[in-house]
Structures are given as structure tokens and as C-alpha cells.
């Protein structure tokens, strides 16, 4: 079932549904692919479907959990490789990265549930941000990468769209 933002829903509910709709599109883009196709670099910069899922999981943990004082598992960031969170390592399977994404979104959802939209957290760069701002940012971030993934998936096997029809 494709989620729809409720036309008369409350603000927090509407923001959560908008985020979940894009999360669902992201996961659909990797569904049904073998390991090679999911991790295949499709651009000169090395962008792959699996790398984008890993990146989105990392930023879900960072923005929703760490910004609001929560703890996360070890994050795939590396001072010597600023794009480490965008690539699947050889020892990471599709199942591993999808499980990481699942844990990240579950932790993010728990943080969203625990806070009001006006609650403030502290971003990784030191600025205070409201939960409302983080939700809006992550809706944009996730939708943007879902669009990238739509193009990559079309190049792999011709599948297009943001959800199963």
C-alpha cells in the first residue's frame, strides 16, 4: 500500500507520513536485485543503490538520534574518506545494509515519537535545530536520494517509479 500524506492530518503526522513515503520508495528501489546490481557503481563518482541506502541510514541516525542526545551504533564515517557512508564495503551485504537502515529508521521513529516538533537538538556541527526542521530536512534528503535511486534502477533493469504499481 502506498502511503499518502493525510490532507487534513496534524503537522507531525503529515511530516512523518511524508518521510515514510520516501523511505518506502528508497527500499523499493533495491528490492529484487542481486548483490552485484545493488552495489554496482552507476556514476563516475561511484554512486550505487546500496551506497545511498547506507548513507540515508547514517543520516537518519545522525539527525534524529544523535542530535537529540541518543546513542547510535558505530557510524560509517571516516575522516580520511568523507564519502565512506556512501559506499558498501566488500564485507557488507545487501542484507547487512538493509538491516542497518531498519535499525536506523526504527531509532529515528522512536526519537520522533519522544519529542515535540519544537524540541531542540544539537546538530553535528553545533547548531541547534528543532525536530520540525530535522523532519523537513530529512524529507528533502530522502526524496532527493529516492529520485537518484529511481534513475539508477532504471539504468540497471528499466524499473521506474517511486512505488510498486
Protein backbone atom coordinates (compact mmCIF):
# COMPACT_ATOMS: atom_id res chain seq x y z
CA UNK A 1 0.00 0.00 0.00
CA UNK A 2 1.32 3.42 -0.96
CA UNK A 3 1.20 5.89 1.91
CA UNK A 4 -0.45 9.23 1.29
CA UNK A 5 0.04 12.35 3.36
CA UNK A 6 -3.33 12.91 5.04
CA UNK A 7 -4.98 16.02 3.56
CA UNK A 8 -6.34 17.03 6.97
CA UNK A 9 -3.75 15.41 9.24
CA UNK A 10 -1.88 17.12 12.01
CA UNK A 11 1.52 18.62 11.35
CA UNK A 12 3.63 15.91 12.98
CA UNK A 13 1.58 13.09 11.46
CA UNK A 14 1.82 14.67 8.00
CA UNK A 15 5.58 15.13 8.26
CA UNK A 16 6.08 11.54 9.45
CA UNK A 17 4.00 10.12 6.60
CA UNK A 18 5.84 12.24 4.03
CA UNK A 19 9.17 10.92 5.34
CA UNK A 20 7.94 7.31 5.43
CA UNK A 21 6.65 7.55 1.86
CA UNK A 22 10.15 8.45 0.64
CA UNK A 23 11.74 5.79 2.86
CA UNK A 24 9.45 3.22 1.26
CA UNK A 25 10.47 4.37 -2.22
CA UNK A 26 14.15 4.01 -1.27
CA UNK A 27 13.67 0.43 -0.09
CA UNK A 28 11.63 -0.48 -3.15
CA UNK A 29 14.48 0.66 -5.40
CA UNK A 30 16.79 -2.07 -4.05
CA UNK A 31 14.17 -4.81 -3.75
CA UNK A 32 14.59 -7.80 -6.01
CA UNK A 33 18.16 -7.01 -7.05
CA UNK A 34 21.10 -9.35 -6.64
CA UNK A 35 24.22 -8.29 -4.73
CA UNK A 36 26.11 -7.17 -7.81
CA UNK A 37 23.32 -4.97 -9.15
CA UNK A 38 22.57 -3.38 -5.75
CA UNK A 39 26.19 -2.36 -5.21
CA UNK A 40 27.16 -1.59 -8.81
CA UNK A 41 28.59 1.94 -9.15
CA UNK A 42 26.40 3.67 -11.73
CA UNK A 43 28.04 7.11 -11.95
CA UNK A 44 31.59 8.41 -12.32
CA UNK A 45 31.52 9.31 -8.60
CA UNK A 46 30.72 5.70 -7.69
CA UNK A 47 27.10 6.17 -6.60
CA UNK A 48 25.22 2.90 -6.11
CA UNK A 49 21.78 1.99 -4.83
CA UNK A 50 23.21 0.24 -1.78
CA UNK A 51 25.54 3.15 -1.03
CA UNK A 52 22.59 5.54 -0.99
CA UNK A 53 20.68 3.28 1.42
CA UNK A 54 23.73 3.19 3.71
CA UNK A 55 24.07 6.98 3.54
CA UNK A 56 20.39 7.53 4.35
CA UNK A 57 20.60 5.17 7.32
CA UNK A 58 23.62 7.08 8.59
CA UNK A 59 21.95 10.47 8.37
CA UNK A 60 18.72 9.16 9.96
CA UNK A 61 20.80 8.09 12.96
CA UNK A 62 22.73 11.35 12.97
CA UNK A 63 19.91 13.84 12.63
CA UNK A 64 17.12 12.15 14.58
CA UNK A 65 19.07 10.26 17.23
CA UNK A 66 22.46 11.86 17.87
CA UNK A 67 21.14 15.43 17.52
CA UNK A 68 18.63 14.74 20.29
CA UNK A 69 21.10 13.11 22.68
CA UNK A 70 20.55 9.49 21.75
CA UNK A 71 23.21 6.89 21.11
CA UNK A 72 23.75 5.02 17.87
CA UNK A 73 25.78 2.11 16.69
CA UNK A 74 29.18 2.74 15.11
CA UNK A 75 28.66 5.06 12.18
CA UNK A 76 30.35 4.57 8.80
CA UNK A 77 32.07 7.96 8.75
CA UNK A 78 35.82 8.24 8.21
CA UNK A 79 37.91 11.42 8.49
CA UNK A 80 40.19 10.19 5.70
CA UNK A 81 37.27 9.27 3.43
CA UNK A 82 34.40 11.77 3.60
CA UNK A 83 32.23 9.59 1.34
CA UNK A 84 32.65 6.34 3.29
CA UNK A 85 28.97 6.35 4.23
CA UNK A 86 28.07 6.38 0.52
CA UNK A 87 29.73 3.07 -0.33
CA UNK A 88 29.07 -0.53 0.61
CA UNK A 89 32.27 -2.16 1.81
CA UNK A 90 33.09 -5.60 0.37
CA UNK A 91 32.24 -7.21 3.73
CA UNK A 92 28.77 -5.57 3.85
CA UNK A 93 25.96 -7.45 2.12
CA UNK A 94 22.69 -6.01 0.91
CA UNK A 95 21.03 -7.71 3.90
CA UNK A 96 23.54 -6.07 6.27
CA UNK A 97 22.89 -2.59 4.92
CA UNK A 98 19.12 -3.06 4.82
CA UNK A 99 19.24 -4.21 8.45
CA UNK A 100 21.35 -1.14 9.34
CA UNK A 101 18.74 1.03 7.61
CA UNK A 102 15.94 -0.71 9.51
CA UNK A 103 17.65 -0.13 12.86
CA UNK A 104 18.34 3.50 11.97
CA UNK A 105 14.78 4.26 10.93
CA UNK A 106 13.37 2.48 14.00
CA UNK A 107 15.64 4.57 16.24
CA UNK A 108 14.69 7.71 14.31
CA UNK A 109 10.99 6.92 14.67
CA UNK A 110 11.40 6.42 18.42
CA UNK A 111 13.12 9.81 18.67
CA UNK A 112 10.40 11.48 16.60
CA UNK A 113 7.76 9.93 18.85
CA UNK A 114 9.58 11.04 22.01
CA UNK A 115 9.93 14.70 21.02
CA UNK A 116 7.68 17.59 20.16
CA UNK A 117 8.20 19.44 16.88
CA UNK A 118 9.57 22.47 18.74
CA UNK A 119 12.08 20.44 20.81
CA UNK A 120 15.67 21.42 20.10
CA UNK A 121 18.61 19.18 19.40
CA UNK A 122 22.19 19.98 18.50
CA UNK A 123 23.42 19.12 15.02
CA UNK A 124 26.83 17.55 14.45
CA UNK A 125 28.22 20.99 13.55
CA UNK A 126 27.00 22.59 16.79
CA UNK A 127 23.88 24.48 15.68
CA UNK A 128 20.59 23.99 17.47
CA UNK A 129 17.83 22.54 15.30
CA UNK A 130 14.18 21.81 16.01
CA UNK A 131 12.65 18.41 15.36
CA UNK A 132 10.41 20.16 12.82
CA UNK A 133 13.48 21.39 10.92
CA UNK A 134 15.09 17.93 11.04
CA UNK A 135 11.92 16.31 9.70
CA UNK A 136 11.73 18.81 6.85
CA UNK A 137 15.43 18.36 6.09
CA UNK A 138 15.18 14.56 6.08
CA UNK A 139 12.05 14.57 3.92
CA UNK A 140 14.01 16.61 1.37
CA UNK A 141 17.17 14.50 1.73
CA UNK A 142 15.34 11.19 1.42
CA UNK A 143 13.17 12.31 -1.51
CA UNK A 144 16.24 13.67 -3.31
CA UNK A 145 18.11 10.40 -2.98
CA UNK A 146 14.99 8.39 -3.87
CA UNK A 147 14.99 10.34 -7.14
CA UNK A 148 18.65 9.49 -7.71
CA UNK A 149 17.80 5.86 -6.99
CA UNK A 150 14.94 5.93 -9.49
CA UNK A 151 17.38 6.86 -12.24
CA UNK A 152 19.98 4.28 -11.14
CA UNK A 153 17.38 1.50 -11.00
CA UNK A 154 16.11 2.40 -14.47
CA UNK A 155 19.68 2.11 -15.77
CA UNK A 156 20.03 -1.32 -14.13
CA UNK A 157 16.83 -3.03 -15.26
CA UNK A 158 14.34 -0.48 -16.57
CA UNK A 159 12.23 -0.31 -13.39
CA UNK A 160 10.83 3.20 -12.88
CA UNK A 161 8.51 4.99 -10.46
CA UNK A 162 8.52 5.66 -6.77
CA UNK A 163 6.37 2.70 -5.64
CA UNK A 164 5.09 -0.66 -6.87
CA UNK A 165 2.08 -0.27 -9.09
